[in-house]
Amino acid sequence: MECEGADQARYKCAPPRPTAMSSSITLPVCSCCKRHIMPNDMCVKFDCPSCAGELVWRCESCREAARGYECSKCHFAGP
């Protein structure tokens, strides 16, 4: 709770703290449609079935539509 002026003295509120925003957050990208996957999206992630060298992300719509994906390391193509 932020208080100003008389309220700050009355309720003994602490001065507002600076908010630090991290700019290093990177969202995963769907391996099929290349859109960013948000934290609450219904998605799946798994290692490439062929080489296990890359993490494959699939969003809910690509999974349901059975869109294909391709591993960027070994070029394995899956449904």
PDB file of N, CA and C in Angstrom:
ATOM      1  N   MET A   1       0.843  -1.178   0.000  1.00  0.00           N
ATOM      2  CA  MET A   1       0.000   0.000   0.000  1.00  0.00           C
ATOM      3  C   MET A   1       0.880   1.230   0.000  1.00  0.00           C
ATOM      4  N   GLU A   2       0.626   2.131  -0.935  1.00  0.00           N
ATOM      5  CA  GLU A   2       1.388   3.361  -1.001  1.00  0.00           C
ATOM      6  C   GLU A   2       0.595   4.468  -0.321  1.00  0.00           C
ATOM      7  N   CYS A   3       1.269   5.227   0.527  1.00  0.00           N
ATOM      8  CA  CYS A   3       0.625   6.332   1.222  1.00  0.00           C
ATOM      9  C   CYS A   3       1.366   7.606   0.884  1.00  0.00           C
ATOM     10  N   GLU A   4       0.628   8.711   0.843  1.00  0.00           N
ATOM     11  CA  GLU A   4       1.263   9.988   0.537  1.00  0.00           C
ATOM     12  C   GLU A   4       0.840  11.025   1.571  1.00  0.00           C
ATOM     13  N   GLY A   5       1.685  11.995   1.786  1.00  0.00           N
ATOM     14  CA  GLY A   5       1.369  13.131   2.638  1.00  0.00           C
ATOM     15  C   GLY A   5       0.948  12.735   4.032  1.00  0.00           C
ATOM     16  N   ALA A   6      -0.251  13.210   4.440  1.00  0.00           N
ATOM     17  CA  ALA A   6      -0.768  12.967   5.786  1.00  0.00           C
ATOM     18  C   ALA A   6      -0.995  11.484   6.035  1.00  0.00           C
ATOM     19  N   ASP A   7      -1.404  10.759   5.021  1.00  0.00           N
ATOM     20  CA  ASP A   7      -1.630   9.325   5.179  1.00  0.00           C
ATOM     21  C   ASP A   7      -0.346   8.600   5.573  1.00  0.00           C
ATOM     22  N   GLN A   8       0.785   9.045   5.041  1.00  0.00           N
ATOM     23  CA  GLN A   8       2.054   8.378   5.345  1.00  0.00           C
ATOM     24  C   GLN A   8       2.392   8.513   6.826  1.00  0.00           C
ATOM     25  N   ALA A   9       2.174   9.681   7.397  1.00  0.00           N
ATOM     26  CA  ALA A   9       2.451   9.883   8.817  1.00  0.00           C
ATOM     27  C   ALA A   9       1.396   9.183   9.664  1.00  0.00           C
ATOM     28  N   ARG A  10       0.169   9.212   9.225  1.00  0.00           N
ATOM     29  CA  ARG A  10      -0.943   8.645   9.987  1.00  0.00           C
ATOM     30  C   ARG A  10      -0.862   7.126  10.071  1.00  0.00           C
ATOM     31  N   TYR A  11      -0.574   6.464   8.972  1.00  0.00           N
ATOM     32  CA  TYR A  11      -0.545   5.007   8.942  1.00  0.00           C
ATOM     33  C   TYR A  11       0.862   4.421   9.019  1.00  0.00           C
ATOM     34  N   LYS A  12       1.846   5.284   9.104  1.00  0.00           N
ATOM     35  CA  LYS A  12       3.243   4.870   9.183  1.00  0.00           C
ATOM     36  C   LYS A  12       3.608   3.913   8.040  1.00  0.00           C
ATOM     37  N   CYS A  13       3.241   4.316   6.830  1.00  0.00           N
ATOM     38  CA  CYS A  13       3.546   3.513   5.638  1.00  0.00           C
ATOM     39  C   CYS A  13       4.989   3.732   5.234  1.00  0.00           C
ATOM     40  N   ALA A  14       5.575   2.694   4.790  1.00  0.00           N
ATOM     41  CA  ALA A  14       6.945   2.790   4.287  1.00  0.00           C
ATOM     42  C   ALA A  14       6.916   3.454   2.915  1.00  0.00           C
ATOM     43  N   PRO A  15       7.974   4.159   2.566  1.00  0.00           N
ATOM     44  CA  PRO A  15       8.014   4.771   1.233  1.00  0.00           C
ATOM     45  C   PRO A  15       8.016   3.661   0.169  1.00  0.00           C
ATOM     46  N   PRO A  16       7.445   3.934  -0.983  1.00  0.00           N
ATOM     47  CA  PRO A  16       7.389   2.903  -2.018  1.00  0.00           C
ATOM     48  C   PRO A  16       8.788   2.450  -2.425  1.00  0.00           C
ATOM     49  N   ARG A  17       8.939   1.154  -2.583  1.00  0.00           N
ATOM     50  CA  ARG A  17      10.223   0.606  -3.015  1.00  0.00           C
ATOM     51  C   ARG A  17      10.299   0.604  -4.528  1.00  0.00           C
ATOM     52  N   PRO A  18      11.472   0.836  -5.075  1.00  0.00           N
ATOM     53  CA  PRO A  18      11.603   0.759  -6.529  1.00  0.00           C
ATOM     54  C   PRO A  18      11.373  -0.682  -6.988  1.00  0.00           C
ATOM     55  N   THR A  19      10.691  -0.816  -8.104  1.00  0.00           N
ATOM     56  CA  THR A  19      10.397  -2.138  -8.638  1.00  0.00           C
ATOM     57  C   THR A  19      11.430  -2.474  -9.707  1.00  0.00           C
ATOM     58  N   ALA A  20      12.082  -3.595  -9.527  1.00  0.00           N
ATOM     59  CA  ALA A  20      13.073  -4.022 -10.507  1.00  0.00           C
ATOM     60  C   ALA A  20      12.421  -5.018 -11.458  1.00  0.00           C
ATOM     61  N   MET A  21      12.479  -4.728 -12.726  1.00  0.00           N
ATOM     62  CA  MET A  21      11.934  -5.631 -13.735  1.00  0.00           C
ATOM     63  C   MET A  21      13.106  -6.333 -14.425  1.00  0.00           C
ATOM     64  N   SER A  22      12.973  -7.610 -14.552  1.00  0.00           N
ATOM     65  CA  SER A  22      14.022  -8.376 -15.205  1.00  0.00           C
ATOM     66  C   SER A  22      13.785  -8.374 -16.709  1.00  0.00           C
ATOM     67  N   SER A  23      14.795  -8.054 -17.459  1.00  0.00           N
ATOM     68  CA  SER A  23      14.669  -8.062 -18.913  1.00  0.00           C
ATOM     69  C   SER A  23      15.252  -9.329 -19.505  1.00  0.00           C
ATOM     70  N   SER A  24      15.621 -10.279 -18.642  1.00  0.00           N
ATOM     71  CA  SER A  24      16.254 -11.493 -19.142  1.00  0.00           C
ATOM     72  C   SER A  24      15.297 -12.673 -19.256  1.00  0.00           C
ATOM     73  N   ILE A  25      13.992 -12.429 -19.107  1.00  0.00           N
ATOM     74  CA  ILE A  25      13.023 -13.506 -19.224  1.00  0.00           C
ATOM     75  C   ILE A  25      12.833 -13.834 -20.694  1.00  0.00           C
ATOM     76  N   THR A  26      12.973 -15.111 -21.021  1.00  0.00           N
ATOM     77  CA  THR A  26      12.731 -15.539 -22.394  1.00  0.00           C
ATOM     78  C   THR A  26      11.652 -16.602 -22.382  1.00  0.00           C
ATOM     79  N   LEU A  27      10.648 -16.406 -23.191  1.00  0.00           N
ATOM     80  CA  LEU A  27       9.563 -17.358 -23.294  1.00  0.00           C
ATOM     81  C   LEU A  27       9.914 -18.423 -24.318  1.00  0.00           C
ATOM     82  N   PRO A  28       9.505 -19.664 -24.067  1.00  0.00           N
ATOM     83  CA  PRO A  28       9.749 -20.698 -25.072  1.00  0.00           C
ATOM     84  C   PRO A  28       8.899 -20.434 -26.314  1.00  0.00           C
ATOM     85  N   VAL A  29       9.331 -20.987 -27.432  1.00  0.00           N
ATOM     86  CA  VAL A  29       8.649 -20.801 -28.707  1.00  0.00           C
ATOM     87  C   VAL A  29       8.174 -22.152 -29.209  1.00  0.00           C
ATOM     88  N   CYS A  30       6.945 -22.202 -29.713  1.00  0.00           N
ATOM     89  CA  CYS A  30       6.403 -23.443 -30.268  1.00  0.00           C
ATOM     90  C   CYS A  30       7.265 -23.868 -31.460  1.00  0.00           C
ATOM     91  N   SER A  31       7.643 -25.115 -31.498  1.00  0.00           N
ATOM     92  CA  SER A  31       8.489 -25.627 -32.579  1.00  0.00           C
ATOM     93  C   SER A  31       7.736 -25.713 -33.898  1.00  0.00           C
ATOM     94  N   CYS A  32       6.414 -25.641 -33.855  1.00  0.00           N
ATOM     95  CA  CYS A  32       5.603 -25.737 -35.075  1.00  0.00           C
ATOM     96  C   CYS A  32       5.265 -24.359 -35.643  1.00  0.00           C
ATOM     97  N   CYS A  33       4.536 -23.558 -34.863  1.00  0.00           N
ATOM     98  CA  CYS A  33       4.032 -22.273 -35.363  1.00  0.00           C
ATOM     99  C   CYS A  33       4.929 -21.089 -35.002  1.00  0.00           C
ATOM    100  N   LYS A  34       5.924 -21.313 -34.174  1.00  0.00           N
ATOM    101  CA  LYS A  34       6.917 -20.300 -33.777  1.00  0.00           C
ATOM    102  C   LYS A  34       6.340 -19.156 -32.932  1.00  0.00           C
ATOM    103  N   ARG A  35       5.155 -19.346 -32.330  1.00  0.00           N
ATOM    104  CA  ARG A  35       4.641 -18.299 -31.453  1.00  0.00           C
ATOM    105  C   ARG A  35       5.142 -18.554 -30.035  1.00  0.00           C
ATOM    106  N   HIS A  36       5.218 -17.486 -29.247  1.00  0.00           N
ATOM    107  CA  HIS A  36       5.674 -17.608 -27.869  1.00  0.00           C
ATOM    108  C   HIS A  36       4.652 -18.369 -27.040  1.00  0.00           C
ATOM    109  N   ILE A  37       5.129 -19.197 -26.145  1.00  0.00           N
ATOM    110  CA  ILE A  37       4.268 -19.956 -25.256  1.00  0.00           C
ATOM    111  C   ILE A  37       4.250 -19.249 -23.909  1.00  0.00           C
ATOM    112  N   MET A  38       3.053 -18.874 -23.482  1.00  0.00           N
ATOM    113  CA  MET A  38       2.884 -18.156 -22.234  1.00  0.00           C
ATOM    114  C   MET A  38       2.867 -19.147 -21.063  1.00  0.00           C
ATOM    115  N   PRO A  39       3.163 -18.698 -19.847  1.00  0.00           N
ATOM    116  CA  PRO A  39       3.269 -19.608 -18.703  1.00  0.00           C
ATOM    117  C   PRO A  39       2.055 -20.487 -18.435  1.00  0.00           C
ATOM    118  N   ASN A  40       0.839 -20.019 -18.660  1.00  0.00           N
ATOM    119  CA  ASN A  40      -0.343 -20.824 -18.356  1.00  0.00           C
ATOM    120  C   ASN A  40      -0.918 -21.551 -19.575  1.00  0.00           C
ATOM    121  N   ASP A  41      -0.229 -21.504 -20.704  1.00  0.00           N
ATOM    122  CA  ASP A  41      -0.708 -22.205 -21.897  1.00  0.00           C
ATOM    123  C   ASP A  41      -0.641 -23.715 -21.685  1.00  0.00           C
ATOM    124  N   MET A  42      -1.575 -24.416 -22.300  1.00  0.00           N
ATOM    125  CA  MET A  42      -1.578 -25.881 -22.244  1.00  0.00           C
ATOM    126  C   MET A  42      -0.660 -26.383 -23.356  1.00  0.00           C
ATOM    127  N   CYS A  43       0.581 -26.619 -23.025  1.00  0.00           N
ATOM    128  CA  CYS A  43       1.560 -27.032 -24.016  1.00  0.00           C
ATOM    129  C   CYS A  43       2.298 -28.271 -23.515  1.00  0.00           C
ATOM    130  N   VAL A  44       3.115 -28.839 -24.396  1.00  0.00           N
ATOM    131  CA  VAL A  44       3.966 -29.957 -24.004  1.00  0.00           C
ATOM    132  C   VAL A  44       5.392 -29.646 -24.419  1.00  0.00           C
ATOM    133  N   LYS A  45       6.332 -30.227 -23.703  1.00  0.00           N
ATOM    134  CA  LYS A  45       7.740 -30.122 -24.072  1.00  0.00           C
ATOM    135  C   LYS A  45       8.358 -31.491 -23.887  1.00  0.00           C
ATOM    136  N   PHE A  46       9.259 -31.837 -24.787  1.00  0.00           N
ATOM    137  CA  PHE A  46       9.932 -33.132 -24.713  1.00  0.00           C
ATOM    138  C   PHE A  46      11.228 -33.057 -25.498  1.00  0.00           C
ATOM    139  N   ASP A  47      12.136 -33.961 -25.199  1.00  0.00           N
ATOM    140  CA  ASP A  47      13.386 -34.045 -25.954  1.00  0.00           C
ATOM    141  C   ASP A  47      13.101 -34.623 -27.330  1.00  0.00           C
ATOM    142  N   CYS A  48      13.890 -34.241 -28.302  1.00  0.00           N
ATOM    143  CA  CYS A  48      13.740 -34.784 -29.653  1.00  0.00           C
ATOM    144  C   CYS A  48      13.799 -36.308 -29.570  1.00  0.00           C
ATOM    145  N   PRO A  49      12.831 -37.013 -30.163  1.00  0.00           N
ATOM    146  CA  PRO A  49      12.821 -38.474 -30.087  1.00  0.00           C
ATOM    147  C   PRO A  49      14.005 -39.129 -30.784  1.00  0.00           C
ATOM    148  N   SER A  50      14.635 -38.421 -31.711  1.00  0.00           N
ATOM    149  CA  SER A  50      15.733 -39.000 -32.473  1.00  0.00           C
ATOM    150  C   SER A  50      17.090 -38.780 -31.807  1.00  0.00           C
ATOM    151  N   CYS A  51      17.396 -37.518 -31.501  1.00  0.00           N
ATOM    152  CA  CYS A  51      18.739 -37.217 -30.989  1.00  0.00           C
ATOM    153  C   CYS A  51      18.763 -36.818 -29.515  1.00  0.00           C
ATOM    154  N   ALA A  52      17.636 -36.465 -28.955  1.00  0.00           N
ATOM    155  CA  ALA A  52      17.518 -35.987 -27.570  1.00  0.00           C
ATOM    156  C   ALA A  52      18.399 -34.769 -27.312  1.00  0.00           C
ATOM    157  N   GLY A  53      18.789 -34.095 -28.372  1.00  0.00           N
ATOM    158  CA  GLY A  53      19.672 -32.943 -28.244  1.00  0.00           C
ATOM    159  C   GLY A  53      18.968 -31.612 -28.202  1.00  0.00           C
ATOM    160  N   GLU A  54      17.689 -31.605 -28.448  1.00  0.00           N
ATOM    161  CA  GLU A  54      16.941 -30.351 -28.448  1.00  0.00           C
ATOM    162  C   GLU A  54      15.611 -30.554 -27.754  1.00  0.00           C
ATOM    163  N   LEU A  55      15.168 -29.522 -27.064  1.00  0.00           N
ATOM    164  CA  LEU A  55      13.878 -29.554 -26.397  1.00  0.00           C
ATOM    165  C   LEU A  55      12.820 -29.065 -27.388  1.00  0.00           C
ATOM    166  N   VAL A  56      11.807 -29.876 -27.627  1.00  0.00           N
ATOM    167  CA  VAL A  56      10.729 -29.543 -28.556  1.00  0.00           C
ATOM    168  C   VAL A  56       9.547 -29.031 -27.740  1.00  0.00           C
ATOM    169  N   TRP A  57       9.038 -27.867 -28.106  1.00  0.00           N
ATOM    170  CA  TRP A  57       7.856 -27.285 -27.470  1.00  0.00           C
ATOM    171  C   TRP A  57       6.721 -27.312 -28.472  1.00  0.00           C
ATOM    172  N   ARG A  58       5.516 -27.702 -28.023  1.00  0.00           N
ATOM    173  CA  ARG A  58       4.341 -27.685 -28.889  1.00  0.00           C
ATOM    174  C   ARG A  58       3.189 -27.029 -28.146  1.00  0.00           C
ATOM    175  N   CYS A  59       2.605 -25.998 -28.764  1.00  0.00           N
ATOM    176  CA  CYS A  59       1.461 -25.322 -28.151  1.00  0.00           C
ATOM    177  C   CYS A  59       0.215 -26.191 -28.307  1.00  0.00           C
ATOM    178  N   GLU A  60      -0.823 -25.834 -27.591  1.00  0.00           N
ATOM    179  CA  GLU A  60      -2.047 -26.632 -27.589  1.00  0.00           C
ATOM    180  C   GLU A  60      -2.665 -26.737 -28.980  1.00  0.00           C
ATOM    181  N   SER A  61      -2.715 -25.629 -29.720  1.00  0.00           N
ATOM    182  CA  SER A  61      -3.362 -25.670 -31.036  1.00  0.00           C
ATOM    183  C   SER A  61      -2.574 -26.520 -32.036  1.00  0.00           C
ATOM    184  N   CYS A  62      -1.258 -26.468 -31.990  1.00  0.00           N
ATOM    185  CA  CYS A  62      -0.453 -27.294 -32.901  1.00  0.00           C
ATOM    186  C   CYS A  62      -0.556 -28.772 -32.533  1.00  0.00           C
ATOM    187  N   ARG A  63      -0.623 -29.055 -31.255  1.00  0.00           N
ATOM    188  CA  ARG A  63      -0.785 -30.438 -30.799  1.00  0.00           C
ATOM    189  C   ARG A  63      -2.118 -31.005 -31.260  1.00  0.00           C
ATOM    190  N   GLU A  64      -3.188 -30.243 -31.039  1.00  0.00           N
ATOM    191  CA  GLU A  64      -4.524 -30.709 -31.414  1.00  0.00           C
ATOM    192  C   GLU A  64      -4.686 -30.859 -32.920  1.00  0.00           C
ATOM    193  N   ALA A  65      -4.034 -29.992 -33.690  1.00  0.00           N
ATOM    194  CA  ALA A  65      -4.128 -30.058 -35.148  1.00  0.00           C
ATOM    195  C   ALA A  65      -3.107 -31.028 -35.743  1.00  0.00           C
ATOM    196  N   ALA A  66      -2.266 -31.619 -34.908  1.00  0.00           N
ATOM    197  CA  ALA A  66      -1.214 -32.566 -35.328  1.00  0.00           C
ATOM    198  C   ALA A  66      -0.284 -31.955 -36.374  1.00  0.00           C
ATOM    199  N   ARG A  67       0.063 -30.676 -36.168  1.00  0.00           N
ATOM    200  CA  ARG A  67       1.015 -30.017 -37.070  1.00  0.00           C
ATOM    201  C   ARG A  67       2.407 -30.591 -36.827  1.00  0.00           C
ATOM    202  N   GLY A  68       3.152 -30.696 -37.878  1.00  0.00           N
ATOM    203  CA  GLY A  68       4.493 -31.262 -37.791  1.00  0.00           C
ATOM    204  C   GLY A  68       5.515 -30.300 -37.217  1.00  0.00           C
ATOM    205  N   TYR A  69       6.593 -30.850 -36.713  1.00  0.00           N
ATOM    206  CA  TYR A  69       7.709 -30.059 -36.201  1.00  0.00           C
ATOM    207  C   TYR A  69       8.986 -30.677 -36.733  1.00  0.00           C
ATOM    208  N   GLU A  70      10.070 -29.925 -36.662  1.00  0.00           N
ATOM    209  CA  GLU A  70      11.361 -30.441 -37.108  1.00  0.00           C
ATOM    210  C   GLU A  70      12.432 -30.042 -36.109  1.00  0.00           C
ATOM    211  N   CYS A  71      13.262 -30.998 -35.732  1.00  0.00           N
ATOM    212  CA  CYS A  71      14.383 -30.742 -34.831  1.00  0.00           C
ATOM    213  C   CYS A  71      15.431 -29.938 -35.600  1.00  0.00           C
ATOM    214  N   SER A  72      15.907 -28.856 -35.019  1.00  0.00           N
ATOM    215  CA  SER A  72      16.895 -28.020 -35.710  1.00  0.00           C
ATOM    216  C   SER A  72      18.295 -28.637 -35.692  1.00  0.00           C
ATOM    217  N   LYS A  73      18.517 -29.624 -34.830  1.00  0.00           N
ATOM    218  CA  LYS A  73      19.835 -30.261 -34.772  1.00  0.00           C
ATOM    219  C   LYS A  73      19.962 -31.428 -35.738  1.00  0.00           C
ATOM    220  N   CYS A  74      19.013 -32.390 -35.662  1.00  0.00           N
ATOM    221  CA  CYS A  74      19.137 -33.594 -36.489  1.00  0.00           C
ATOM    222  C   CYS A  74      18.136 -33.627 -37.639  1.00  0.00           C
ATOM    223  N   HIS A  75      17.249 -32.619 -37.700  1.00  0.00           N
ATOM    224  CA  HIS A  75      16.230 -32.499 -38.749  1.00  0.00           C
ATOM    225  C   HIS A  75      15.203 -33.617 -38.743  1.00  0.00           C
ATOM    226  N   PHE A  76      15.017 -34.242 -37.582  1.00  0.00           N
ATOM    227  CA  PHE A  76      13.953 -35.230 -37.432  1.00  0.00           C
ATOM    228  C   PHE A  76      12.621 -34.510 -37.528  1.00  0.00           C
ATOM    229  N   ALA A  77      11.691 -35.052 -38.306  1.00  0.00           N
ATOM    230  CA  ALA A  77      10.365 -34.466 -38.467  1.00  0.00           C
ATOM    231  C   ALA A  77       9.349 -35.357 -37.775  1.00  0.00           C
ATOM    232  N   GLY A  78       8.516 -34.754 -36.961  1.00  0.00           N
ATOM    233  CA  GLY A  78       7.509 -35.503 -36.237  1.00  0.00           C
ATOM    234  C   GLY A  78       6.124 -34.913 -36.418  1.00  0.00           C
ATOM    235  N   PRO A  79       5.127 -35.670 -36.078  1.00  0.00           N
ATOM    236  CA  PRO A  79       3.750 -35.185 -36.231  1.00  0.00           C
ATOM    237  C   PRO A  79       3.349 -34.189 -35.152  1.00  0.00           C
TER     238      PRO A  79
END
